[in-house]
Amino acid sequence: MKGIEVNRKELANIFGVSLNTISTWTGSKDCPYVQKPDLSYSSGNHA
């Protein structure tokens, strides 16, 4: 089954819960989530 991607705030709004609750859910192994890649590297040649 495929769902839609939402951020933590949108997910909290959908379920009517707090962001802390979402953090608890995504911290467990029962709630799959996609983590965005860390793009905070310094500029330069990254070949």
PDB file of N, CA and C in Angstrom:
ATOM      1  N   MET A   1       0.847  -1.173   0.000  1.00  0.00           N
ATOM      2  CA  MET A   1       0.000   0.000   0.000  1.00  0.00           C
ATOM      3  C   MET A   1       0.894   1.237   0.000  1.00  0.00           C
ATOM      4  N   LYS A   2       0.558   2.209  -0.815  1.00  0.00           N
ATOM      5  CA  LYS A   2       1.320   3.446  -0.871  1.00  0.00           C
ATOM      6  C   LYS A   2       0.466   4.588  -0.340  1.00  0.00           C
ATOM      7  N   GLY A   3       1.081   5.451   0.456  1.00  0.00           N
ATOM      8  CA  GLY A   3       0.371   6.590   1.019  1.00  0.00           C
ATOM      9  C   GLY A   3       0.896   7.890   0.451  1.00  0.00           C
ATOM     10  N   ILE A   4       0.552   8.971   1.107  1.00  0.00           N
ATOM     11  CA  ILE A   4       1.053  10.279   0.697  1.00  0.00           C
ATOM     12  C   ILE A   4       2.100  10.739   1.705  1.00  0.00           C
ATOM     13  N   GLU A   5       3.025  11.545   1.237  1.00  0.00           N
ATOM     14  CA  GLU A   5       4.041  12.083   2.134  1.00  0.00           C
ATOM     15  C   GLU A   5       3.521  13.358   2.782  1.00  0.00           C
ATOM     16  N   VAL A   6       3.637  13.434   4.093  1.00  0.00           N
ATOM     17  CA  VAL A   6       3.261  14.622   4.851  1.00  0.00           C
ATOM     18  C   VAL A   6       4.372  14.920   5.847  1.00  0.00           C
ATOM     19  N   ASN A   7       4.446  16.160   6.285  1.00  0.00           N
ATOM     20  CA  ASN A   7       5.430  16.477   7.316  1.00  0.00           C
ATOM     21  C   ASN A   7       4.814  16.214   8.693  1.00  0.00           C
ATOM     22  N   ARG A   8       5.617  16.360   9.733  1.00  0.00           N
ATOM     23  CA  ARG A   8       5.152  16.052  11.090  1.00  0.00           C
ATOM     24  C   ARG A   8       3.947  16.895  11.488  1.00  0.00           C
ATOM     25  N   LYS A   9       3.963  18.173  11.125  1.00  0.00           N
ATOM     26  CA  LYS A   9       2.864  19.068  11.491  1.00  0.00           C
ATOM     27  C   LYS A   9       1.566  18.645  10.801  1.00  0.00           C
ATOM     28  N   GLU A  10       1.656  18.297   9.526  1.00  0.00           N
ATOM     29  CA  GLU A  10       0.470  17.847   8.795  1.00  0.00           C
ATOM     30  C   GLU A  10      -0.058  16.535   9.374  1.00  0.00           C
ATOM     31  N   LEU A  11       0.840  15.630   9.734  1.00  0.00           N
ATOM     32  CA  LEU A  11       0.426  14.360  10.314  1.00  0.00           C
ATOM     33  C   LEU A  11      -0.275  14.569  11.652  1.00  0.00           C
ATOM     34  N   ALA A  12       0.263  15.470  12.467  1.00  0.00           N
ATOM     35  CA  ALA A  12      -0.373  15.784  13.747  1.00  0.00           C
ATOM     36  C   ALA A  12      -1.779  16.343  13.522  1.00  0.00           C
ATOM     37  N   ASN A  13      -1.929  17.182  12.518  1.00  0.00           N
ATOM     38  CA  ASN A  13      -3.233  17.768  12.204  1.00  0.00           C
ATOM     39  C   ASN A  13      -4.220  16.699  11.728  1.00  0.00           C
ATOM     40  N   ILE A  14      -3.753  15.774  10.889  1.00  0.00           N
ATOM     41  CA  ILE A  14      -4.616  14.700  10.380  1.00  0.00           C
ATOM     42  C   ILE A  14      -5.175  13.864  11.527  1.00  0.00           C
ATOM     43  N   PHE A  15      -4.308  13.510  12.485  1.00  0.00           N
ATOM     44  CA  PHE A  15      -4.731  12.648  13.588  1.00  0.00           C
ATOM     45  C   PHE A  15      -5.240  13.416  14.800  1.00  0.00           C
ATOM     46  N   GLY A  16      -5.116  14.737  14.787  1.00  0.00           N
ATOM     47  CA  GLY A  16      -5.598  15.537  15.906  1.00  0.00           C
ATOM     48  C   GLY A  16      -4.783  15.337  17.172  1.00  0.00           C
ATOM     49  N   VAL A  17      -3.468  15.204  17.003  1.00  0.00           N
ATOM     50  CA  VAL A  17      -2.571  14.999  18.146  1.00  0.00           C
ATOM     51  C   VAL A  17      -1.466  16.040  18.118  1.00  0.00           C
ATOM     52  N   SER A  18      -0.641  16.057  19.178  1.00  0.00           N
ATOM     53  CA  SER A  18       0.443  17.020  19.266  1.00  0.00           C
ATOM     54  C   SER A  18       1.676  16.541  18.495  1.00  0.00           C
ATOM     55  N   LEU A  19       2.589  17.470  18.238  1.00  0.00           N
ATOM     56  CA  LEU A  19       3.855  17.112  17.593  1.00  0.00           C
ATOM     57  C   LEU A  19       4.660  16.143  18.464  1.00  0.00           C
ATOM     58  N   ASN A  20       4.540  16.266  19.790  1.00  0.00           N
ATOM     59  CA  ASN A  20       5.227  15.328  20.679  1.00  0.00           C
ATOM     60  C   ASN A  20       4.732  13.907  20.463  1.00  0.00           C
ATOM     61  N   THR A  21       3.441  13.749  20.241  1.00  0.00           N
ATOM     62  CA  THR A  21       2.885  12.426  19.974  1.00  0.00           C
ATOM     63  C   THR A  21       3.442  11.872  18.666  1.00  0.00           C
ATOM     64  N   ILE A  22       3.535  12.713  17.651  1.00  0.00           N
ATOM     65  CA  ILE A  22       4.100  12.284  16.370  1.00  0.00           C
ATOM     66  C   ILE A  22       5.556  11.858  16.554  1.00  0.00           C
ATOM     67  N   SER A  23       6.308  12.592  17.347  1.00  0.00           N
ATOM     68  CA  SER A  23       7.699  12.223  17.615  1.00  0.00           C
ATOM     69  C   SER A  23       7.782  10.860  18.281  1.00  0.00           C
ATOM     70  N   THR A  24       6.867  10.583  19.187  1.00  0.00           N
ATOM     71  CA  THR A  24       6.819   9.275  19.851  1.00  0.00           C
ATOM     72  C   THR A  24       6.496   8.188  18.838  1.00  0.00           C
ATOM     73  N   TRP A  25       5.522   8.438  17.977  1.00  0.00           N
ATOM     74  CA  TRP A  25       5.137   7.441  16.980  1.00  0.00           C
ATOM     75  C   TRP A  25       6.274   7.146  16.020  1.00  0.00           C
ATOM     76  N   THR A  26       6.912   8.185  15.497  1.00  0.00           N
ATOM     77  CA  THR A  26       7.968   7.973  14.501  1.00  0.00           C
ATOM     78  C   THR A  26       9.249   7.471  15.144  1.00  0.00           C
ATOM     79  N   GLY A  27       9.357   7.586  16.447  1.00  0.00           N
ATOM     80  CA  GLY A  27      10.510   7.045  17.153  1.00  0.00           C
ATOM     81  C   GLY A  27      10.398   5.550  17.382  1.00  0.00           C
ATOM     82  N   SER A  28       9.189   5.010  17.197  1.00  0.00           N
ATOM     83  CA  SER A  28       9.004   3.560  17.356  1.00  0.00           C
ATOM     84  C   SER A  28       9.182   2.880  16.006  1.00  0.00           C
ATOM     85  N   LYS A  29       9.302   1.571  16.023  1.00  0.00           N
ATOM     86  CA  LYS A  29       9.475   0.823  14.785  1.00  0.00           C
ATOM     87  C   LYS A  29       8.143   0.527  14.109  1.00  0.00           C
ATOM     88  N   ASP A  30       7.035   0.935  14.720  1.00  0.00           N
ATOM     89  CA  ASP A  30       5.707   0.643  14.169  1.00  0.00           C
ATOM     90  C   ASP A  30       5.232   1.673  13.147  1.00  0.00           C
ATOM     91  N   CYS A  31       5.888   2.817  13.085  1.00  0.00           N
ATOM     92  CA  CYS A  31       5.453   3.876  12.182  1.00  0.00           C
ATOM     93  C   CYS A  31       6.546   4.162  11.157  1.00  0.00           C
ATOM     94  N   PRO A  32       6.361   3.702   9.918  1.00  0.00           N
ATOM     95  CA  PRO A  32       7.389   3.966   8.907  1.00  0.00           C
ATOM     96  C   PRO A  32       7.396   5.441   8.519  1.00  0.00           C
ATOM     97  N   TYR A  33       8.560   5.932   8.174  1.00  0.00           N
ATOM     98  CA  TYR A  33       8.655   7.314   7.714  1.00  0.00           C
ATOM     99  C   TYR A  33       9.849   7.474   6.787  1.00  0.00           C
ATOM    100  N   VAL A  34       9.811   8.523   5.994  1.00  0.00           N
ATOM    101  CA  VAL A  34      10.893   8.851   5.078  1.00  0.00           C
ATOM    102  C   VAL A  34      11.665  10.000   5.687  1.00  0.00           C
ATOM    103  N   GLN A  35      12.964   9.814   5.786  1.00  0.00           N
ATOM    104  CA  GLN A  35      13.807  10.881   6.323  1.00  0.00           C
ATOM    105  C   GLN A  35      14.483  11.589   5.163  1.00  0.00           C
ATOM    106  N   LYS A  36      14.378  12.914   5.144  1.00  0.00           N
ATOM    107  CA  LYS A  36      15.007  13.684   4.088  1.00  0.00           C
ATOM    108  C   LYS A  36      16.528  13.607   4.233  1.00  0.00           C
ATOM    109  N   PRO A  37      17.239  13.592   3.112  1.00  0.00           N
ATOM    110  CA  PRO A  37      18.707  13.545   3.192  1.00  0.00           C
ATOM    111  C   PRO A  37      19.272  14.843   3.759  1.00  0.00           C
ATOM    112  N   ASP A  38      20.391  14.734   4.441  1.00  0.00           N
ATOM    113  CA  ASP A  38      21.048  15.911   5.001  1.00  0.00           C
ATOM    114  C   ASP A  38      21.825  16.601   3.893  1.00  0.00           C
ATOM    115  N   LEU A  39      21.389  17.786   3.533  1.00  0.00           N
ATOM    116  CA  LEU A  39      22.036  18.543   2.454  1.00  0.00           C
ATOM    117  C   LEU A  39      22.895  19.686   2.997  1.00  0.00           C
ATOM    118  N   SER A  40      23.249  19.603   4.267  1.00  0.00           N
ATOM    119  CA  SER A  40      23.977  20.700   4.905  1.00  0.00           C
ATOM    120  C   SER A  40      25.492  20.506   4.822  1.00  0.00           C
ATOM    121  N   TYR A  41      25.996  20.152   3.650  1.00  0.00           N
ATOM    122  CA  TYR A  41      27.445  20.028   3.484  1.00  0.00           C
ATOM    123  C   TYR A  41      27.994  21.334   2.923  1.00  0.00           C
ATOM    124  N   SER A  42      29.275  21.535   3.098  1.00  0.00           N
ATOM    125  CA  SER A  42      29.884  22.773   2.625  1.00  0.00           C
ATOM    126  C   SER A  42      29.999  22.755   1.120  1.00  0.00           C
ATOM    127  N   SER A  43      30.029  23.937   0.521  1.00  0.00           N
ATOM    128  CA  SER A  43      30.141  24.013  -0.934  1.00  0.00           C
ATOM    129  C   SER A  43      31.546  23.623  -1.367  1.00  0.00           C
ATOM    130  N   GLY A  44      31.645  23.222  -2.596  1.00  0.00           N
ATOM    131  CA  GLY A  44      32.924  22.788  -3.123  1.00  0.00           C
ATOM    132  C   GLY A  44      32.719  21.669  -4.115  1.00  0.00           C
ATOM    133  N   ASN A  45      33.774  21.022  -4.504  1.00  0.00           N
ATOM    134  CA  ASN A  45      33.689  19.941  -5.472  1.00  0.00           C
ATOM    135  C   ASN A  45      33.349  18.648  -4.761  1.00  0.00           C
ATOM    136  N   HIS A  46      32.150  18.130  -4.995  1.00  0.00           N
ATOM    137  CA  HIS A  46      31.685  16.891  -4.359  1.00  0.00           C
ATOM    138  C   HIS A  46      31.414  15.833  -5.416  1.00  0.00           C
ATOM    139  N   ALA A  47      32.381  15.584  -6.259  1.00  0.00           N
ATOM    140  CA  ALA A  47      32.202  14.616  -7.348  1.00  0.00           C
ATOM    141  C   ALA A  47      32.224  13.228  -6.911  1.00  0.00           C
TER     142      ALA A  47
END
